Amino acid sequence: MNDLERAKAILPEMIANRRFLHQNPELGMNLKVTTEFVMEKLRDMGIEPKICGGCGVTALIGQKTDGPVFLLRADMDALPMQEESGLTFAAADGAAHCCGHDMHTAMLLGAAKILKEQEEELPGIVKLMFQPGEETLEGAKAMIADGILENPRVDAAMGVHMMPLAPAGFVGYNAGVVCNSSDLLHIAIEGKGGHGASPHLSVDPINVGVHIHLALQELIAREVDPQDQAALTFGEFHSGDAKNIIPKTAYLGGTLRTVRQETREYLLARIENCVEMTAKMFGAKASLEIPASVSALTVDETCADIIGKGFSETLGKAAARVSQTTSGSEDFAEVSRLVPSMFFVVGGGDREHGYEFSGHHPKVRYDETSLASGAAAFACGAKAYLAANVKS
């Protein structure tokens, strides 16, 4: 029985785990229920887990401590939104697993079970990384700071993400930059409040915010090479609470995504300059804060080749090397900056089979049969890397 066949055999267990996690979503770095659930399941497998990075979980599988060490990572946190999937096990409390992190966690639990059953045969150590705070771009940094890549020192790592609107069970991967960098942008504007009937006696921060927004969009249109990739989006604009009062302050919140580090650095400098100068032009003050950021996620070519062969041997034609990158970000990039890394996606179901919505949509659903492909990819990928890097 290969890893895919074994994953299919334990699919009911993975589905049950996923549904518990789906019904109990938690946010950011506060994952008490999720963490306890993951640790309980690992102990049931005979694996001893440890807390890392606040509410992250790590554990080791393998007996050959003189062999290579390969890390498998799944994120566990949900999104602050109301689910509208219509599933019988949908969440109902204003947090929801609409990015598929419940799927990732269930896959890694499945892979842990498969690898634990083969522990004596592993030519090295597999380190598990169940991570909080991916959506807030703080979980990977917290676990790294707490030593996830040490004791034993990790030689390479692999992460996963669901791919909505792709055929269920498809496993895709590539080398090079596969996810964009992300910088969260907070722009605070200070004007001068006053009566709506006397705008000449005020400095309207809403007007300033509108002009800042328009000016920043021109950066992408006129200052970024059309062959490059960059996206600048603002999803928050808050100011005032009365129709006839010009408020004193306004706030814009957005995100910058880039592929090239040079483009990222240039745009961040230009954004700060545009924010300050545009506000000054209208007699206001404005400042830019970047509360969280993550680099572009880069996949190591050698890891992709070695693990990709393992995928093909186990998953057959369901696994393929793909060429596109995504403008989405992934804080697994913090791991990939420090150790050679692999990243793969798992198809969550296509429109032909009724899966019509993308990630972060309140109605998104994922085909649970894809859990088997993800767990098998985790397991066979880890074994492929360990076998190719046995230390002499």
Protein backbone atom coordinates (compact mmCIF):
# COMPACT_ATOMS: atom_id res chain seq x y z
CA MET A 1 0.00 0.00 0.00
CA ASN A 2 1.57 3.30 -1.07
CA ASP A 3 1.05 6.62 0.70
CA LEU A 4 -1.91 7.65 -1.45
CA GLU A 5 -3.69 4.35 -0.86
CA ARG A 6 -3.05 4.65 2.87
CA ALA A 7 -4.30 8.25 2.86
CA LYS A 8 -7.50 7.16 1.15
CA ALA A 9 -7.93 4.45 3.78
CA ILE A 10 -7.81 7.03 6.60
CA LEU A 11 -9.87 9.61 4.70
CA PRO A 12 -12.92 9.26 7.02
CA GLU A 13 -10.70 10.11 9.98
CA MET A 14 -9.24 13.13 8.18
CA ILE A 15 -12.72 14.33 7.24
CA ALA A 16 -13.85 14.07 10.86
CA ASN A 17 -10.80 16.04 12.00
CA ARG A 18 -11.38 18.66 9.35
CA ARG A 19 -15.03 19.10 10.28
CA PHE A 20 -14.23 19.58 13.95
CA LEU A 21 -11.69 22.24 13.05
CA HIS A 22 -14.10 23.83 10.59
CA GLN A 23 -16.81 24.14 13.23
CA ASN A 24 -14.39 25.59 15.76
CA PRO A 25 -12.46 28.32 13.91
CA GLU A 26 -10.09 30.53 15.86
CA LEU A 27 -8.19 33.65 14.89
CA GLY A 28 -4.59 34.78 14.80
CA MET A 29 -2.42 33.74 17.71
CA ASN A 30 -5.27 32.63 19.99
CA LEU A 31 -5.98 29.02 18.99
CA LYS A 32 -6.63 27.30 22.31
CA VAL A 33 -9.21 24.77 21.07
CA THR A 34 -7.34 24.08 17.83
CA THR A 35 -4.01 23.59 19.56
CA GLU A 36 -5.45 21.23 22.17
CA PHE A 37 -7.21 19.23 19.44
CA VAL A 38 -4.04 18.83 17.36
CA MET A 39 -1.99 17.81 20.39
CA GLU A 40 -4.60 15.27 21.45
CA LYS A 41 -4.66 13.70 17.98
CA LEU A 42 -0.85 13.50 17.86
CA ARG A 43 -0.72 11.83 21.28
CA ASP A 44 -3.30 9.30 20.08
CA MET A 45 -0.79 8.38 17.33
CA GLY A 46 2.02 7.93 19.83
CA ILE A 47 3.64 11.24 18.89
CA GLU A 48 4.66 13.61 21.68
CA PRO A 49 3.84 17.23 20.76
CA LYS A 50 5.26 20.44 22.19
CA ILE A 51 4.01 24.02 22.22
CA CYS A 52 6.09 26.41 20.12
CA GLY A 53 5.62 30.09 19.37
CA GLY A 54 2.76 30.72 21.76
CA CYS A 55 0.08 28.37 20.44
CA GLY A 56 1.88 26.56 17.64
CA VAL A 57 2.57 22.83 17.88
CA THR A 58 5.67 20.89 16.90
CA ALA A 59 6.61 17.21 17.10
CA LEU A 60 9.19 14.78 15.75
CA ILE A 61 8.74 11.53 13.82
CA GLY A 62 11.70 9.26 13.15
CA GLN A 63 14.41 7.35 14.97
CA LYS A 64 17.55 8.04 12.91
CA THR A 65 18.78 11.18 14.64
CA ASP A 66 21.96 11.25 12.52
CA GLY A 67 19.92 11.63 9.32
CA PRO A 68 18.50 14.71 7.58
CA VAL A 69 15.67 16.70 9.15
CA PHE A 70 12.69 17.71 7.02
CA LEU A 71 9.94 20.02 8.28
CA LEU A 72 6.27 19.78 7.28
CA ARG A 73 4.15 22.86 7.98
CA ALA A 74 0.40 23.48 8.08
CA ASP A 75 -1.28 26.70 9.21
CA MET A 76 -4.27 26.49 11.56
CA ASP A 77 -5.90 29.93 11.92
CA ALA A 78 -9.21 31.08 10.44
CA LEU A 79 -10.51 34.36 9.00
CA PRO A 80 -12.57 37.04 10.79
CA MET A 81 -15.67 36.67 8.63
CA GLN A 82 -19.11 35.08 8.67
CA GLU A 83 -19.39 31.79 6.80
CA GLU A 84 -22.22 31.39 4.26
CA SER A 85 -21.33 27.98 2.81
CA GLY A 86 -24.56 26.27 3.84
CA LEU A 87 -22.60 23.27 5.12
CA THR A 88 -24.14 21.32 7.98
CA PHE A 89 -20.88 21.81 9.90
CA ALA A 90 -20.47 25.51 9.05
CA ALA A 91 -19.06 27.87 11.65
CA ALA A 92 -21.50 30.35 13.17
CA ASP A 93 -19.56 32.79 15.32
CA GLY A 94 -18.01 35.35 12.99
CA ALA A 95 -14.83 33.41 12.32
CA ALA A 96 -14.56 30.96 9.43
CA HIS A 97 -12.11 28.64 7.70
CA CYS A 98 -12.67 30.21 4.27
CA CYS A 99 -8.98 29.93 3.36
CA GLY A 100 -8.77 26.18 3.92
CA HIS A 101 -6.44 26.09 6.90
CA ASP A 102 -8.68 23.45 8.46
CA MET A 103 -7.92 21.32 5.40
CA HIS A 104 -4.18 21.93 5.76
CA THR A 105 -4.21 20.91 9.42
CA ALA A 106 -6.23 17.77 8.73
CA MET A 107 -3.84 16.84 5.91
CA LEU A 108 -0.80 17.18 8.13
CA LEU A 109 -2.45 15.12 10.86
CA GLY A 110 -3.11 12.47 8.22
CA ALA A 111 0.48 12.60 7.00
CA ALA A 112 1.71 12.35 10.58
CA LYS A 113 -0.24 9.12 11.03
CA ILE A 114 1.14 7.67 7.79
CA LEU A 115 4.72 8.61 8.64
CA LYS A 116 4.45 7.37 12.23
CA GLU A 117 3.40 3.96 10.89
CA GLN A 118 6.63 3.93 8.82
CA GLU A 119 8.84 5.52 11.48
CA GLU A 120 11.39 2.71 11.65
CA GLU A 121 12.00 2.97 7.89
CA LEU A 122 12.53 6.74 7.76
CA PRO A 123 16.19 7.62 6.97
CA GLY A 124 15.95 10.79 9.05
CA ILE A 125 13.60 12.95 11.08
CA VAL A 126 10.33 14.60 10.07
CA LYS A 127 9.51 17.67 12.14
CA LEU A 128 5.89 18.82 12.24
CA MET A 129 4.96 22.51 12.35
CA PHE A 130 1.32 23.33 13.09
CA GLN A 131 1.34 27.11 12.84
CA PRO A 132 -0.96 29.85 14.16
CA GLY A 133 -1.24 33.40 12.83
CA GLU A 134 -0.69 32.96 9.10
CA GLU A 135 -3.44 35.40 8.17
CA THR A 136 -1.90 38.00 10.47
CA LEU A 137 1.63 37.31 9.15
CA GLU A 138 3.01 36.69 12.64
CA GLY A 139 2.83 32.95 13.29
CA ALA A 140 5.84 31.76 11.30
CA LYS A 141 8.03 34.48 12.80
CA ALA A 142 6.88 33.53 16.30
CA MET A 143 7.66 29.84 15.82
CA ILE A 144 11.03 30.60 14.23
CA ALA A 145 11.90 32.89 17.14
CA ASP A 146 10.96 30.05 19.50
CA GLY A 147 13.35 27.65 17.78
CA ILE A 148 11.20 25.61 15.37
CA LEU A 149 14.14 25.37 12.94
CA GLU A 150 16.56 24.17 15.64
CA ASN A 151 16.96 21.18 17.98
CA PRO A 152 17.20 19.32 15.70
CA ARG A 153 18.27 21.77 13.01
CA VAL A 154 15.98 21.66 9.97
CA ASP A 155 17.66 20.96 6.61
CA ALA A 156 14.65 21.74 4.41
CA ALA A 157 10.92 22.35 4.70
CA MET A 158 7.61 22.02 2.87
CA GLY A 159 4.23 23.75 3.14
CA VAL A 160 0.83 23.43 1.48
CA HIS A 161 -2.14 25.53 0.44
CA MET A 162 -5.55 24.72 -0.94
CA MET A 163 -6.23 25.84 -4.52
CA PRO A 164 -9.94 26.62 -5.00
CA LEU A 165 -11.48 26.19 -8.46
CA ALA A 166 -8.93 23.49 -9.37
CA PRO A 167 -9.83 19.79 -9.78
CA ALA A 168 -10.03 17.95 -6.47
CA GLY A 169 -6.87 16.02 -5.73
CA PHE A 170 -4.67 17.94 -8.16
CA VAL A 171 -1.23 18.64 -6.68
CA GLY A 172 0.74 21.47 -8.24
CA TYR A 173 4.18 22.87 -7.55
CA ASN A 174 6.90 25.02 -9.09
CA ALA A 175 10.32 26.49 -8.31
CA GLY A 176 11.32 30.11 -7.87
CA VAL A 177 8.94 32.77 -6.53
CA VAL A 178 5.51 31.18 -6.09
CA CYS A 179 3.78 33.67 -3.76
CA ASN A 180 4.14 37.44 -3.63
CA SER A 181 5.46 39.48 -0.76
CA SER A 182 2.86 41.25 1.36
CA ASP A 183 3.02 44.50 3.28
CA LEU A 184 0.02 45.68 5.29
CA LEU A 185 -0.46 49.44 5.01
CA HIS A 186 -2.06 51.70 7.60
CA ILE A 187 -2.43 55.36 6.56
CA ALA A 188 -3.51 57.83 9.23
CA ILE A 189 -4.69 61.29 8.09
CA GLU A 190 -5.13 64.29 10.35
CA GLY A 191 -7.06 67.29 9.07
CA LYS A 192 -9.17 69.89 10.81
CA GLY A 193 -12.76 69.15 11.75
CA GLY A 194 -15.65 71.52 11.33
CA HIS A 195 -19.21 72.14 10.15
CA GLY A 196 -20.26 70.60 6.87
CA ALA A 197 -21.70 73.95 5.78
CA SER A 198 -18.33 75.68 6.20
CA PRO A 199 -15.74 73.46 4.50
CA HIS A 200 -13.45 76.46 3.94
CA LEU A 201 -12.84 76.58 7.69
CA SER A 202 -11.80 72.93 7.81
CA VAL A 203 -9.25 70.55 6.30
CA ASP A 204 -11.31 67.61 5.11
CA PRO A 205 -9.43 64.32 5.77
CA ILE A 206 -11.89 62.40 3.57
CA ASN A 207 -10.96 64.53 0.58
CA VAL A 208 -7.29 64.05 1.42
CA GLY A 209 -7.78 60.29 1.68
CA VAL A 210 -9.49 60.15 -1.72
CA HIS A 211 -6.59 61.98 -3.36
CA ILE A 212 -4.05 59.78 -1.60
CA HIS A 213 -5.84 56.67 -2.85
CA LEU A 214 -5.93 57.94 -6.44
CA ALA A 215 -2.28 59.01 -6.34
CA LEU A 216 -1.18 55.61 -5.09
CA GLN A 217 -3.02 53.77 -7.86
CA GLU A 218 -0.95 55.75 -10.37
CA LEU A 219 2.20 54.21 -8.92
CA ILE A 220 1.19 50.81 -10.26
CA ALA A 221 -0.06 52.17 -13.58
CA ARG A 222 2.86 54.47 -14.34
CA GLU A 223 5.89 53.52 -12.26
CA VAL A 224 5.96 49.71 -12.34
CA ASP A 225 7.30 47.84 -15.38
CA PRO A 226 4.33 46.18 -17.16
CA GLN A 227 6.42 42.97 -17.23
CA ASP A 228 6.71 43.07 -13.44
CA GLN A 229 3.99 42.05 -10.98
CA ALA A 230 2.59 44.35 -8.32
CA ALA A 231 -0.82 44.89 -6.74
CA LEU A 232 -1.87 47.70 -4.41
CA THR A 233 -5.33 47.43 -2.88
CA PHE A 234 -7.13 49.34 -0.15
CA GLY A 235 -10.01 47.56 1.54
CA GLU A 236 -10.59 50.00 4.40
CA PHE A 237 -11.48 53.70 4.41
CA HIS A 238 -12.92 55.02 7.67
CA SER A 239 -13.77 58.55 8.71
CA GLY A 240 -16.46 60.38 10.63
CA ASP A 241 -19.85 59.34 11.94
CA ALA A 242 -22.19 62.24 11.10
CA LYS A 243 -23.46 63.52 7.75
CA ASN A 244 -22.99 67.23 8.48
CA ILE A 245 -19.67 67.16 10.32
CA ILE A 246 -16.29 67.26 8.64
CA PRO A 247 -14.21 64.88 10.78
CA LYS A 248 -10.71 65.53 12.01
CA THR A 249 -9.19 62.19 11.02
CA ALA A 250 -9.41 59.48 8.38
CA TYR A 251 -7.83 56.07 8.00
CA LEU A 252 -6.99 53.88 5.01
CA GLY A 253 -5.94 50.24 5.29
CA GLY A 254 -4.50 48.26 2.42
CA THR A 255 -1.97 45.77 1.16
CA LEU A 256 0.95 45.83 -1.27
CA ARG A 257 1.93 42.64 -3.13
CA THR A 258 5.10 42.28 -5.21
CA VAL A 259 7.34 39.57 -6.69
CA ARG A 260 10.68 41.39 -6.91
CA GLN A 261 12.31 42.75 -3.77
CA GLU A 262 13.58 45.77 -5.72
CA THR A 263 10.03 46.66 -6.76
CA ARG A 264 8.82 46.20 -3.20
CA GLU A 265 11.42 48.54 -1.74
CA TYR A 266 10.81 51.17 -4.44
CA LEU A 267 7.03 51.15 -3.99
CA LEU A 268 7.15 51.30 -0.20
CA ALA A 269 9.37 54.37 -0.40
CA ARG A 270 7.13 55.99 -3.03
CA ILE A 271 3.96 55.20 -1.08
CA GLU A 272 5.32 56.91 2.00
CA ASN A 273 6.38 59.93 -0.05
CA CYS A 274 3.01 60.21 -1.84
CA VAL A 275 1.08 59.89 1.42
CA GLU A 276 3.03 62.67 3.13
CA MET A 277 3.21 65.03 0.13
CA THR A 278 -0.43 64.64 -0.92
CA ALA A 279 -1.61 65.40 2.59
CA LYS A 280 0.72 68.40 2.80
CA MET A 281 -0.67 69.73 -0.48
CA PHE A 282 -4.11 69.98 1.17
CA GLY A 283 -2.84 71.35 4.46
CA ALA A 284 -3.20 68.05 6.32
CA LYS A 285 -0.80 65.57 7.88
CA ALA A 286 -0.58 61.88 7.04
CA SER A 287 1.68 59.00 8.03
CA LEU A 288 2.28 55.46 6.81
CA GLU A 289 2.67 52.50 9.15
CA ILE A 290 3.50 48.94 8.07
CA PRO A 291 2.28 46.75 10.97
CA ALA A 292 3.04 43.41 9.32
CA SER A 293 4.93 42.17 6.30
CA VAL A 294 6.25 39.02 4.71
CA SER A 295 8.73 38.38 1.90
CA ALA A 296 7.97 36.60 -1.35
CA LEU A 297 7.88 32.81 -1.01
CA THR A 298 10.67 31.15 -2.99
CA VAL A 299 10.81 27.42 -3.72
CA ASP A 300 14.25 25.83 -3.99
CA GLU A 301 14.91 24.23 -7.39
CA THR A 302 16.63 21.16 -5.95
CA CYS A 303 13.83 20.57 -3.46
CA ALA A 304 11.26 20.91 -6.23
CA ASP A 305 13.07 18.35 -8.38
CA ILE A 306 13.54 15.78 -5.61
CA ILE A 307 10.10 16.09 -4.08
CA GLY A 308 8.40 16.48 -7.45
CA LYS A 309 9.71 13.04 -8.43
CA GLY A 310 8.29 11.65 -5.20
CA PHE A 311 4.94 13.22 -6.03
CA SER A 312 4.93 11.66 -9.49
CA GLU A 313 5.80 8.20 -8.19
CA THR A 314 2.99 8.28 -5.61
CA LEU A 315 0.31 10.52 -7.14
CA GLY A 316 0.90 9.85 -10.83
CA LYS A 317 -0.61 12.31 -13.29
CA ALA A 318 -2.50 14.10 -10.51
CA ALA A 319 0.78 15.87 -9.67
CA ALA A 320 2.24 18.41 -12.06
CA ARG A 321 4.72 21.24 -12.20
CA VAL A 322 2.88 24.48 -13.00
CA SER A 323 4.24 27.79 -14.22
CA GLN A 324 2.03 30.44 -12.63
CA THR A 325 2.66 32.33 -9.41
CA THR A 326 0.00 33.83 -7.17
CA SER A 327 -0.36 37.40 -5.97
CA GLY A 328 -1.45 35.93 -2.65
CA SER A 329 1.08 35.90 0.16
CA GLU A 330 2.23 33.16 2.52
CA ASP A 331 4.19 33.62 5.72
CA PHE A 332 5.81 30.24 5.08
CA ALA A 333 8.13 32.60 3.18
CA GLU A 334 9.78 33.30 6.54
CA VAL A 335 10.82 29.64 6.64
CA SER A 336 11.87 29.61 2.98
CA ARG A 337 14.22 32.56 3.64
CA LEU A 338 16.15 30.45 6.14
CA VAL A 339 16.13 26.89 4.77
CA PRO A 340 15.63 25.39 1.28
CA SER A 341 11.90 24.91 0.87
CA MET A 342 9.16 23.34 -1.22
CA PHE A 343 5.55 24.52 -1.47
CA PHE A 344 2.63 22.78 -3.16
CA VAL A 345 -1.05 23.41 -3.78
CA VAL A 346 -3.94 20.96 -3.63
CA GLY A 347 -7.01 21.37 -5.82
CA GLY A 348 -10.15 21.93 -3.77
CA GLY A 349 -12.77 21.21 -6.42
CA ASP A 350 -13.76 22.89 -9.69
CA ARG A 351 -16.91 24.59 -10.98
CA GLU A 352 -17.93 21.50 -12.95
CA HIS A 353 -18.44 19.71 -9.65
CA GLY A 354 -20.21 22.54 -7.87
CA TYR A 355 -17.26 24.31 -6.25
CA GLU A 356 -17.86 27.84 -7.50
CA PHE A 357 -16.11 30.20 -5.09
CA SER A 358 -12.52 31.20 -4.42
CA GLY A 359 -10.70 31.44 -1.12
CA HIS A 360 -11.79 34.09 1.41
CA HIS A 361 -15.30 34.04 -0.08
CA PRO A 362 -17.99 33.37 2.57
CA LYS A 363 -19.52 30.63 0.38
CA VAL A 364 -16.31 28.79 -0.48
CA ARG A 365 -16.38 25.01 -0.04
CA TYR A 366 -13.65 22.40 -0.50
CA ASP A 367 -13.93 18.84 -1.77
CA GLU A 368 -12.89 16.74 1.21
CA THR A 369 -11.57 13.90 -0.96
CA SER A 370 -8.60 16.19 -1.67
CA LEU A 371 -7.45 15.59 1.91
CA ALA A 372 -6.04 12.25 0.77
CA SER A 373 -3.92 13.85 -1.95
CA GLY A 374 -2.57 16.46 0.44
CA ALA A 375 -1.70 13.96 3.16
CA ALA A 376 -0.04 11.64 0.64
CA ALA A 377 1.94 14.53 -0.86
CA PHE A 378 3.17 15.55 2.59
CA ALA A 379 4.21 11.97 3.40
CA CYS A 380 5.81 10.96 0.12
CA GLY A 381 7.48 14.36 -0.27
CA ALA A 382 9.11 14.06 3.13
CA LYS A 383 10.33 10.55 2.41
CA ALA A 384 11.69 11.58 -1.00
CA TYR A 385 13.72 14.40 0.52
CA LEU A 386 15.06 12.27 3.38
CA ALA A 387 16.06 9.44 1.03
CA ALA A 388 17.91 11.82 -1.30
CA ASN A 389 19.80 13.51 1.53
CA VAL A 390 20.96 10.67 3.77
CA LYS A 391 24.08 11.84 5.57
CA SER A 392 27.12 9.62 5.07
